[in-house]
Structure formats: structure tokens, C-alpha cells
């Protein structure tokens, strides 16, 4: 280390390196927790609970079917207003 360089920049680099390593460790553990697999040997009951197949808590369940379609009848005045709007948009104005 150079004599003219303060210890603070080196300490900052070290702190950032440790924070980046912790962040990467966390990023690699999140997908591993969600992946279904059998419990590794040697971890006992805690390993079986930790690696069990379960949905992600932060994500909503996906729909198994399409949403219900709604149909609303328009009045003649609403149809006319929509036609005017469609013509204006088609003309660019």
C-alpha cells in the first residue's frame, strides 16, 4: 500500500467487497430455497423442512383458467360517442 494513500479508501473498498459477497450469497440462496428436491443427508429435520417443495411466498398463485369475460351493452348514445372517438383517432386528430 502506498504511503500517500489514506486507509479510508482501502477500508471502503473492503466494506464494499464484503457487502457484494453477502449480496451474491443471498442471491444464490433465494432460488435454491424455492427449488423442490429431497433433503440432503446430514442435515436432519431442518434440512428436510428447508428444502421442501412449496410455492414462493412473495408471488401470487397463477390462474389455471382464463378470467371471466364480461359483456356490457352500450346505449345508442355511447355507440355514437365511440364512433366519433374512433374516427378522430383514425384521422390523427
PDB file of N, CA and C in Angstrom:
ATOM      1  N   UNK A   1       0.852  -1.176   0.000  1.00  0.00           N
ATOM      2  CA  UNK A   1       0.000   0.000   0.000  1.00  0.00           C
ATOM      3  C   UNK A   1       0.896   1.237   0.000  1.00  0.00           C
ATOM      4  N   UNK A   2       0.543   2.204  -0.775  1.00  0.00           N
ATOM      5  CA  UNK A   2       1.327   3.434  -0.880  1.00  0.00           C
ATOM      6  C   UNK A   2       1.261   4.230   0.408  1.00  0.00           C
ATOM      7  N   UNK A   3       2.290   5.005   0.648  1.00  0.00           N
ATOM      8  CA  UNK A   3       2.315   5.840   1.851  1.00  0.00           C
ATOM      9  C   UNK A   3       1.418   7.063   1.715  1.00  0.00           C
ATOM     10  N   UNK A   4       1.223   7.532   0.502  1.00  0.00           N
ATOM     11  CA  UNK A   4       0.440   8.756   0.316  1.00  0.00           C
ATOM     12  C   UNK A   4      -1.067   8.489   0.218  1.00  0.00           C
ATOM     13  N   UNK A   5      -1.504   7.248   0.267  1.00  0.00           N
ATOM     14  CA  UNK A   5      -2.927   6.916   0.196  1.00  0.00           C
ATOM     15  C   UNK A   5      -3.440   6.641   1.601  1.00  0.00           C
ATOM     16  N   UNK A   6      -4.554   7.267   1.937  1.00  0.00           N
ATOM     17  CA  UNK A   6      -5.151   7.101   3.262  1.00  0.00           C
ATOM     18  C   UNK A   6      -5.731   5.696   3.415  1.00  0.00           C
ATOM     19  N   UNK A   7      -5.956   5.283   4.656  1.00  0.00           N
ATOM     20  CA  UNK A   7      -6.532   3.969   4.944  1.00  0.00           C
ATOM     21  C   UNK A   7      -8.032   3.946   4.643  1.00  0.00           C
ATOM     22  N   UNK A   8      -8.691   5.107   4.642  1.00  0.00           N
ATOM     23  CA  UNK A   8     -10.135   5.158   4.433  1.00  0.00           C
ATOM     24  C   UNK A   8     -10.580   4.622   3.069  1.00  0.00           C
ATOM     25  N   UNK A   9      -9.924   4.970   1.972  1.00  0.00           N
ATOM     26  CA  UNK A   9     -10.359   4.375   0.698  1.00  0.00           C
ATOM     27  C   UNK A   9     -10.217   2.853   0.679  1.00  0.00           C
ATOM     28  N   UNK A  10      -9.136   2.347   1.279  1.00  0.00           N
ATOM     29  CA  UNK A  10      -8.952   0.894   1.321  1.00  0.00           C
ATOM     30  C   UNK A  10     -10.015   0.240   2.197  1.00  0.00           C
ATOM     31  N   UNK A  11     -10.368   0.895   3.289  1.00  0.00           N
ATOM     32  CA  UNK A  11     -11.422   0.352   4.151  1.00  0.00           C
ATOM     33  C   UNK A  11     -12.760   0.366   3.412  1.00  0.00           C
ATOM     34  N   UNK A  12     -13.010   1.413   2.656  1.00  0.00           N
ATOM     35  CA  UNK A  12     -14.242   1.481   1.874  1.00  0.00           C
ATOM     36  C   UNK A  12     -14.317   0.378   0.833  1.00  0.00           C
ATOM     37  N   UNK A  13     -13.206   0.112   0.180  1.00  0.00           N
ATOM     38  CA  UNK A  13     -13.167  -0.968  -0.809  1.00  0.00           C
ATOM     39  C   UNK A  13     -13.424  -2.303  -0.133  1.00  0.00           C
ATOM     40  N   UNK A  14     -12.841  -2.512   1.035  1.00  0.00           N
ATOM     41  CA  UNK A  14     -13.041  -3.771   1.758  1.00  0.00           C
ATOM     42  C   UNK A  14     -14.502  -3.930   2.176  1.00  0.00           C
ATOM     43  N   UNK A  15     -15.113  -2.858   2.672  1.00  0.00           N
ATOM     44  CA  UNK A  15     -16.519  -2.920   3.087  1.00  0.00           C
ATOM     45  C   UNK A  15     -17.412  -3.208   1.879  1.00  0.00           C
ATOM     46  N   UNK A  16     -17.146  -2.559   0.757  1.00  0.00           N
ATOM     47  CA  UNK A  16     -17.938  -2.814  -0.447  1.00  0.00           C
ATOM     48  C   UNK A  16     -17.756  -4.244  -0.948  1.00  0.00           C
ATOM     49  N   UNK A  17     -16.547  -4.773  -0.846  1.00  0.00           N
ATOM     50  CA  UNK A  17     -16.313  -6.156  -1.275  1.00  0.00           C
ATOM     51  C   UNK A  17     -17.076  -7.138  -0.397  1.00  0.00           C
ATOM     52  N   UNK A  18     -17.077  -6.905   0.910  1.00  0.00           N
ATOM     53  CA  UNK A  18     -17.817  -7.781   1.823  1.00  0.00           C
ATOM     54  C   UNK A  18     -19.317  -7.669   1.561  1.00  0.00           C
ATOM     55  N   UNK A  19     -19.815  -6.452   1.331  1.00  0.00           N
ATOM     56  CA  UNK A  19     -21.238  -6.267   1.048  1.00  0.00           C
ATOM     57  C   UNK A  19     -21.626  -6.953  -0.265  1.00  0.00           C
ATOM     58  N   UNK A  20     -20.776  -6.853  -1.278  1.00  0.00           N
ATOM     59  CA  UNK A  20     -21.065  -7.508  -2.557  1.00  0.00           C
ATOM     60  C   UNK A  20     -21.072  -9.026  -2.400  1.00  0.00           C
ATOM     61  N   UNK A  21     -20.147  -9.556  -1.618  1.00  0.00           N
ATOM     62  CA  UNK A  21     -20.116 -11.004  -1.389  1.00  0.00           C
ATOM     63  C   UNK A  21     -21.371 -11.461  -0.648  1.00  0.00           C
ATOM     64  N   UNK A  22     -21.808 -10.698   0.344  1.00  0.00           N
ATOM     65  CA  UNK A  22     -23.023 -11.051   1.081  1.00  0.00           C
ATOM     66  C   UNK A  22     -24.244 -10.973   0.170  1.00  0.00           C
ATOM     67  N   UNK A  23     -24.285  -9.973  -0.678  1.00  0.00           N
ATOM     68  CA  UNK A  23     -25.402  -9.823  -1.608  1.00  0.00           C
ATOM     69  C   UNK A  23     -25.457 -10.991  -2.586  1.00  0.00           C
ATOM     70  N   UNK A  24     -24.306 -11.373  -3.137  1.00  0.00           N
ATOM     71  CA  UNK A  24     -24.269 -12.502  -4.064  1.00  0.00           C
ATOM     72  C   UNK A  24     -24.646 -13.805  -3.373  1.00  0.00           C
ATOM     73  N   UNK A  25     -24.222 -13.962  -2.140  1.00  0.00           N
ATOM     74  CA  UNK A  25     -24.599 -15.158  -1.388  1.00  0.00           C
ATOM     75  C   UNK A  25     -26.110 -15.209  -1.210  1.00  0.00           C
ATOM     76  N   UNK A  26     -26.710 -14.091  -0.865  1.00  0.00           N
ATOM     77  CA  UNK A  26     -28.165 -14.038  -0.722  1.00  0.00           C
ATOM     78  C   UNK A  26     -28.878 -14.320  -2.027  1.00  0.00           C
ATOM     79  N   UNK A  27     -28.356 -13.781  -3.133  1.00  0.00           N
ATOM     80  CA  UNK A  27     -28.981 -14.012  -4.432  1.00  0.00           C
ATOM     81  C   UNK A  27     -28.925 -15.475  -4.841  1.00  0.00           C
ATOM     82  N   UNK A  28     -27.861 -16.158  -4.499  1.00  0.00           N
ATOM     83  CA  UNK A  28     -27.769 -17.569  -4.875  1.00  0.00           C
ATOM     84  C   UNK A  28     -28.606 -18.452  -3.964  1.00  0.00           C
ATOM     85  N   UNK A  29     -28.866 -18.030  -2.754  1.00  0.00           N
ATOM     86  CA  UNK A  29     -29.651 -18.852  -1.832  1.00  0.00           C
ATOM     87  C   UNK A  29     -31.154 -18.759  -2.098  1.00  0.00           C
ATOM     88  N   UNK A  30     -31.650 -17.632  -2.588  1.00  0.00           N
ATOM     89  CA  UNK A  30     -33.090 -17.462  -2.806  1.00  0.00           C
ATOM     90  C   UNK A  30     -33.627 -18.483  -3.815  1.00  0.00           C
ATOM     91  N   UNK A  31     -33.036 -18.629  -5.004  1.00  0.00           N
ATOM     92  CA  UNK A  31     -33.569 -19.639  -5.932  1.00  0.00           C
ATOM     93  C   UNK A  31     -33.390 -21.067  -5.420  1.00  0.00           C
ATOM     94  N   UNK A  32     -32.342 -21.318  -4.664  1.00  0.00           N
ATOM     95  CA  UNK A  32     -32.120 -22.663  -4.138  1.00  0.00           C
ATOM     96  C   UNK A  32     -33.196 -23.051  -3.138  1.00  0.00           C
ATOM     97  N   UNK A  33     -33.681 -22.101  -2.363  1.00  0.00           N
ATOM     98  CA  UNK A  33     -34.744 -22.398  -1.399  1.00  0.00           C
ATOM     99  C   UNK A  33     -36.037 -22.777  -2.100  1.00  0.00           C
ATOM    100  N   UNK A  34     -36.301 -22.164  -3.232  1.00  0.00           N
ATOM    101  CA  UNK A  34     -37.559 -22.401  -3.938  1.00  0.00           C
ATOM    102  C   UNK A  34     -37.524 -23.678  -4.770  1.00  0.00           C
ATOM    103  N   UNK A  35     -36.341 -24.209  -5.047  1.00  0.00           N
ATOM    104  CA  UNK A  35     -36.216 -25.393  -5.892  1.00  0.00           C
ATOM    105  C   UNK A  35     -36.624 -26.644  -5.120  1.00  0.00           C
ATOM    106  N   UNK A  36     -37.603 -27.412  -5.621  1.00  0.00           N
ATOM    107  CA  UNK A  36     -38.005 -28.633  -4.915  1.00  0.00           C
ATOM    108  C   UNK A  36     -36.965 -29.736  -5.107  1.00  0.00           C
ATOM    109  N   UNK A  37     -36.565 -30.380  -4.024  1.00  0.00           N
ATOM    110  CA  UNK A  37     -35.637 -31.507  -4.068  1.00  0.00           C
ATOM    111  C   UNK A  37     -35.702 -32.236  -2.742  1.00  0.00           C
ATOM    112  N   UNK A  38     -35.092 -33.377  -2.687  1.00  0.00           N
ATOM    113  CA  UNK A  38     -35.098 -34.145  -1.444  1.00  0.00           C
ATOM    114  C   UNK A  38     -34.109 -33.536  -0.463  1.00  0.00           C
ATOM    115  N   UNK A  39     -34.298 -33.846   0.803  1.00  0.00           N
ATOM    116  CA  UNK A  39     -33.436 -33.288   1.840  1.00  0.00           C
ATOM    117  C   UNK A  39     -32.043 -33.893   1.733  1.00  0.00           C
ATOM    118  N   UNK A  40     -31.014 -33.074   1.815  1.00  0.00           N
ATOM    119  CA  UNK A  40     -29.661 -33.608   1.771  1.00  0.00           C
ATOM    120  C   UNK A  40     -29.356 -34.407   3.030  1.00  0.00           C
ATOM    121  N   UNK A  41     -28.522 -35.412   2.898  1.00  0.00           N
ATOM    122  CA  UNK A  41     -28.183 -36.239   4.054  1.00  0.00           C
ATOM    123  C   UNK A  41     -27.297 -35.447   4.996  1.00  0.00           C
ATOM    124  N   UNK A  42     -27.504 -35.662   6.284  1.00  0.00           N
ATOM    125  CA  UNK A  42     -26.678 -34.989   7.273  1.00  0.00           C
ATOM    126  C   UNK A  42     -27.293 -33.722   7.828  1.00  0.00           C
ATOM    127  N   UNK A  43     -28.367 -33.230   7.232  1.00  0.00           N
ATOM    128  CA  UNK A  43     -28.973 -32.005   7.733  1.00  0.00           C
ATOM    129  C   UNK A  43     -30.135 -32.281   8.675  1.00  0.00           C
ATOM    130  N   UNK A  44     -30.640 -33.480   8.671  1.00  0.00           N
ATOM    131  CA  UNK A  44     -31.710 -33.846   9.591  1.00  0.00           C
ATOM    132  C   UNK A  44     -33.025 -33.178   9.252  1.00  0.00           C
ATOM    133  N   UNK A  45     -33.817 -32.932  10.295  1.00  0.00           N
ATOM    134  CA  UNK A  45     -35.160 -32.396  10.114  1.00  0.00           C
ATOM    135  C   UNK A  45     -35.131 -30.979   9.547  1.00  0.00           C
ATOM    136  N   UNK A  46     -34.168 -30.193   9.968  1.00  0.00           N
ATOM    137  CA  UNK A  46     -34.070 -28.814   9.481  1.00  0.00           C
ATOM    138  C   UNK A  46     -33.844 -28.785   7.969  1.00  0.00           C
ATOM    139  N   UNK A  47     -32.996 -29.666   7.460  1.00  0.00           N
ATOM    140  CA  UNK A  47     -32.745 -29.727   6.023  1.00  0.00           C
ATOM    141  C   UNK A  47     -33.969 -30.150   5.252  1.00  0.00           C
ATOM    142  N   UNK A  48     -34.750 -31.076   5.811  1.00  0.00           N
ATOM    143  CA  UNK A  48     -35.961 -31.537   5.133  1.00  0.00           C
ATOM    144  C   UNK A  48     -36.987 -30.421   5.053  1.00  0.00           C
ATOM    145  N   UNK A  49     -37.098 -29.642   6.108  1.00  0.00           N
ATOM    146  CA  UNK A  49     -38.057 -28.536   6.113  1.00  0.00           C
ATOM    147  C   UNK A  49     -37.597 -27.447   5.153  1.00  0.00           C
ATOM    148  N   UNK A  50     -36.299 -27.151   5.160  1.00  0.00           N
ATOM    149  CA  UNK A  50     -35.774 -26.064   4.351  1.00  0.00           C
ATOM    150  C   UNK A  50     -35.845 -26.354   2.862  1.00  0.00           C
ATOM    151  N   UNK A  51     -35.709 -27.602   2.460  1.00  0.00           N
ATOM    152  CA  UNK A  51     -35.682 -27.919   1.038  1.00  0.00           C
ATOM    153  C   UNK A  51     -36.996 -28.488   0.534  1.00  0.00           C
ATOM    154  N   UNK A  52     -38.049 -28.436   1.330  1.00  0.00           N
ATOM    155  CA  UNK A  52     -39.340 -28.979   0.894  1.00  0.00           C
ATOM    156  C   UNK A  52     -39.909 -28.206  -0.279  1.00  0.00           C
ATOM    157  N   UNK A  53     -40.720 -28.880  -1.086  1.00  0.00           N
ATOM    158  CA  UNK A  53     -41.331 -28.240  -2.250  1.00  0.00           C
ATOM    159  C   UNK A  53     -42.523 -27.410  -1.790  1.00  0.00           C
ATOM    160  N   UNK A  54     -42.407 -26.113  -1.950  1.00  0.00           N
ATOM    161  CA  UNK A  54     -43.502 -25.220  -1.576  1.00  0.00           C
ATOM    162  C   UNK A  54     -43.449 -24.001  -2.504  1.00  0.00           C
ATOM    163  N   UNK A  55     -44.575 -23.339  -2.725  1.00  0.00           N
ATOM    164  CA  UNK A  55     -44.569 -22.171  -3.611  1.00  0.00           C
ATOM    165  C   UNK A  55     -43.842 -20.997  -2.963  1.00  0.00           C
ATOM    166  N   UNK A  56     -43.390 -20.089  -3.795  1.00  0.00           N
ATOM    167  CA  UNK A  56     -42.732 -18.893  -3.293  1.00  0.00           C
ATOM    168  C   UNK A  56     -43.746 -18.017  -2.573  1.00  0.00           C
ATOM    169  N   UNK A  57     -43.377 -17.537  -1.405  1.00  0.00           N
ATOM    170  CA  UNK A  57     -44.311 -16.760  -0.596  1.00  0.00           C
ATOM    171  C   UNK A  57     -44.591 -15.383  -1.196  1.00  0.00           C
ATOM    172  N   UNK A  58     -43.636 -14.804  -1.903  1.00  0.00           N
ATOM    173  CA  UNK A  58     -43.803 -13.450  -2.413  1.00  0.00           C
ATOM    174  C   UNK A  58     -44.531 -13.356  -3.734  1.00  0.00           C
ATOM    175  N   UNK A  59     -44.847 -14.495  -4.364  1.00  0.00           N
ATOM    176  CA  UNK A  59     -45.508 -14.475  -5.661  1.00  0.00           C
ATOM    177  C   UNK A  59     -46.931 -14.995  -5.545  1.00  0.00           C
ATOM    178  N   UNK A  60     -47.897 -14.352  -6.204  1.00  0.00           N
ATOM    179  CA  UNK A  60     -49.273 -14.856  -6.158  1.00  0.00           C
ATOM    180  C   UNK A  60     -49.401 -16.132  -6.987  1.00  0.00           C
ATOM    181  N   UNK A  61     -50.415 -16.928  -6.677  1.00  0.00           N
ATOM    182  CA  UNK A  61     -50.667 -18.157  -7.424  1.00  0.00           C
ATOM    183  C   UNK A  61     -51.109 -17.819  -8.845  1.00  0.00           C
ATOM    184  N   UNK A  62     -50.687 -18.624  -9.810  1.00  0.00           N
ATOM    185  CA  UNK A  62     -51.106 -18.416 -11.186  1.00  0.00           C
ATOM    186  C   UNK A  62     -52.513 -18.962 -11.389  1.00  0.00           C
ATOM    187  N   UNK A  63     -53.238 -18.316 -12.299  1.00  0.00           N
ATOM    188  CA  UNK A  63     -54.593 -18.769 -12.620  1.00  0.00           C
ATOM    189  C   UNK A  63     -54.503 -20.026 -13.467  1.00  0.00           C
ATOM    190  N   UNK A  64     -55.394 -20.963 -13.223  1.00  0.00           N
ATOM    191  CA  UNK A  64     -55.443 -22.186 -14.010  1.00  0.00           C
ATOM    192  C   UNK A  64     -56.384 -22.049 -15.202  1.00  0.00           C
ATOM    193  N   UNK A  65     -57.217 -21.030 -15.202  1.00  0.00           N
ATOM    194  CA  UNK A  65     -58.149 -20.816 -16.305  1.00  0.00           C
ATOM    195  C   UNK A  65     -58.153 -19.331 -16.657  1.00  0.00           C
ATOM    196  N   UNK A  66     -58.789 -19.023 -17.768  1.00  0.00           N
ATOM    197  CA  UNK A  66     -58.881 -17.633 -18.199  1.00  0.00           C
ATOM    198  C   UNK A  66     -59.848 -16.872 -17.299  1.00  0.00           C
ATOM    199  N   UNK A  67     -59.663 -15.569 -17.165  1.00  0.00           N
ATOM    200  CA  UNK A  67     -60.600 -14.795 -16.352  1.00  0.00           C
ATOM    201  C   UNK A  67     -61.988 -14.761 -16.991  1.00  0.00           C
ATOM    202  N   UNK A  68     -62.987 -14.517 -16.175  1.00  0.00           N
ATOM    203  CA  UNK A  68     -64.370 -14.450 -16.641  1.00  0.00           C
ATOM    204  C   UNK A  68     -64.534 -13.249 -17.569  1.00  0.00           C
ATOM    205  N   UNK A  69     -65.112 -13.480 -18.715  1.00  0.00           N
ATOM    206  CA  UNK A  69     -65.336 -12.402 -19.673  1.00  0.00           C
ATOM    207  C   UNK A  69     -66.622 -11.658 -19.333  1.00  0.00           C
ATOM    208  N   UNK A  70     -66.553 -10.348 -19.398  1.00  0.00           N
ATOM    209  CA  UNK A  70     -67.725  -9.528 -19.120  1.00  0.00           C
ATOM    210  C   UNK A  70     -68.209  -8.897 -20.416  1.00  0.00           C
ATOM    211  N   UNK A  71     -69.494  -8.733 -20.519  1.00  0.00           N
ATOM    212  CA  UNK A  71     -70.092  -8.128 -21.697  1.00  0.00           C
ATOM    213  C   UNK A  71     -71.077  -7.057 -21.232  1.00  0.00           C
ATOM    214  N   UNK A  72     -70.919  -5.854 -21.751  1.00  0.00           N
ATOM    215  CA  UNK A  72     -71.798  -4.749 -21.378  1.00  0.00           C
ATOM    216  C   UNK A  72     -72.412  -4.191 -22.659  1.00  0.00           C
ATOM    217  N   UNK A  73     -73.715  -4.065 -22.662  1.00  0.00           N
ATOM    218  CA  UNK A  73     -74.414  -3.491 -23.811  1.00  0.00           C
ATOM    219  C   UNK A  73     -74.288  -1.972 -23.764  1.00  0.00           C
ATOM    220  N   UNK A  74     -73.941  -1.371 -24.902  1.00  0.00           N
ATOM    221  CA  UNK A  74     -73.821   0.081 -24.984  1.00  0.00           C
ATOM    222  C   UNK A  74     -75.140   0.686 -25.451  1.00  0.00           C
ATOM    223  N   UNK A  75     -75.413   1.864 -24.929  1.00  0.00           N
ATOM    224  CA  UNK A  75     -76.599   2.595 -25.383  1.00  0.00           C
ATOM    225  C   UNK A  75     -76.285   3.208 -26.749  1.00  0.00           C
ATOM    226  N   UNK A  76     -77.306   3.611 -27.501  1.00  0.00           N
ATOM    227  CA  UNK A  76     -77.052   4.253 -28.801  1.00  0.00           C
ATOM    228  C   UNK A  76     -76.179   5.505 -28.672  1.00  0.00           C
ATOM    229  N   UNK A  77     -76.347   6.276 -27.608  1.00  0.00           N
ATOM    230  CA  UNK A  77     -75.526   7.479 -27.420  1.00  0.00           C
ATOM    231  C   UNK A  77     -74.059   7.100 -27.186  1.00  0.00           C
ATOM    232  N   UNK A  78     -73.827   6.038 -26.431  1.00  0.00           N
ATOM    233  CA  UNK A  78     -72.452   5.597 -26.183  1.00  0.00           C
ATOM    234  C   UNK A  78     -71.810   5.062 -27.463  1.00  0.00           C
ATOM    235  N   UNK A  79     -72.596   4.338 -28.267  1.00  0.00           N
ATOM    236  CA  UNK A  79     -72.071   3.841 -29.542  1.00  0.00           C
ATOM    237  C   UNK A  79     -71.685   4.998 -30.459  1.00  0.00           C
ATOM    238  N   UNK A  80     -72.535   6.045 -30.497  1.00  0.00           N
ATOM    239  CA  UNK A  80     -72.241   7.207 -31.341  1.00  0.00           C
ATOM    240  C   UNK A  80     -70.989   7.921 -30.844  1.00  0.00           C
ATOM    241  N   UNK A  81     -70.857   8.070 -29.532  1.00  0.00           N
ATOM    242  CA  UNK A  81     -69.676   8.730 -28.976  1.00  0.00           C
ATOM    243  C   UNK A  81     -68.416   7.919 -29.279  1.00  0.00           C
ATOM    244  N   UNK A  82     -68.517   6.606 -29.205  1.00  0.00           N
ATOM    245  CA  UNK A  82     -67.369   5.760 -29.508  1.00  0.00           C
ATOM    246  C   UNK A  82     -66.999   5.853 -30.988  1.00  0.00           C
ATOM    247  N   UNK A  83     -68.003   5.931 -31.854  1.00  0.00           N
ATOM    248  CA  UNK A  83     -67.735   6.063 -33.285  1.00  0.00           C
ATOM    249  C   UNK A  83     -67.016   7.373 -33.583  1.00  0.00           C
ATOM    250  N   UNK A  84     -67.449   8.459 -32.920  1.00  0.00           N
ATOM    251  CA  UNK A  84     -66.780   9.753 -33.102  1.00  0.00           C
ATOM    252  C   UNK A  84     -65.333   9.664 -32.629  1.00  0.00           C
ATOM    253  N   UNK A  85     -65.117   9.054 -31.484  1.00  0.00           N
ATOM    254  CA  UNK A  85     -63.762   8.906 -30.950  1.00  0.00           C
ATOM    255  C   UNK A  85     -62.895   8.068 -31.885  1.00  0.00           C
ATOM    256  N   UNK A  86     -63.435   6.984 -32.406  1.00  0.00           N
ATOM    257  CA  UNK A  86     -62.672   6.129 -33.313  1.00  0.00           C
ATOM    258  C   UNK A  86     -62.314   6.876 -34.591  1.00  0.00           C
ATOM    259  N   UNK A  87     -63.244   7.695 -35.116  1.00  0.00           N
ATOM    260  CA  UNK A  87     -62.956   8.478 -36.319  1.00  0.00           C
ATOM    261  C   UNK A  87     -61.864   9.502 -36.053  1.00  0.00           C
ATOM    262  N   UNK A  88     -61.920  10.163 -34.899  1.00  0.00           N
ATOM    263  CA  UNK A  88     -60.892  11.158 -34.558  1.00  0.00           C
ATOM    264  C   UNK A  88     -59.515  10.508 -34.444  1.00  0.00           C
ATOM    265  N   UNK A  89     -59.467   9.356 -33.820  1.00  0.00           N
ATOM    266  CA  UNK A  89     -58.184   8.672 -33.672  1.00  0.00           C
ATOM    267  C   UNK A  89     -57.668   8.163 -35.009  1.00  0.00           C
ATOM    268  N   UNK A  90     -58.565   7.710 -35.867  1.00  0.00           N
ATOM    269  CA  UNK A  90     -58.158   7.214 -37.179  1.00  0.00           C
ATOM    270  C   UNK A  90     -57.650   8.348 -38.063  1.00  0.00           C
ATOM    271  N   UNK A  91     -58.233   9.540 -37.904  1.00  0.00           N
ATOM    272  CA  UNK A  91     -57.812  10.693 -38.700  1.00  0.00           C
ATOM    273  C   UNK A  91     -56.544  11.333 -38.149  1.00  0.00           C
ATOM    274  N   UNK A  92     -56.129  10.944 -36.961  1.00  0.00           N
ATOM    275  CA  UNK A  92     -54.925  11.522 -36.369  1.00  0.00           C
ATOM    276  C   UNK A  92     -55.184  12.815 -35.633  1.00  0.00           C
ATOM    277  N   UNK A  93     -56.386  13.132 -35.335  1.00  0.00           N
ATOM    278  CA  UNK A  93     -56.667  14.405 -34.685  1.00  0.00           C
ATOM    279  C   UNK A  93     -57.415  14.217 -33.478  1.00  0.00           C
TER     280      UNK A  93
END
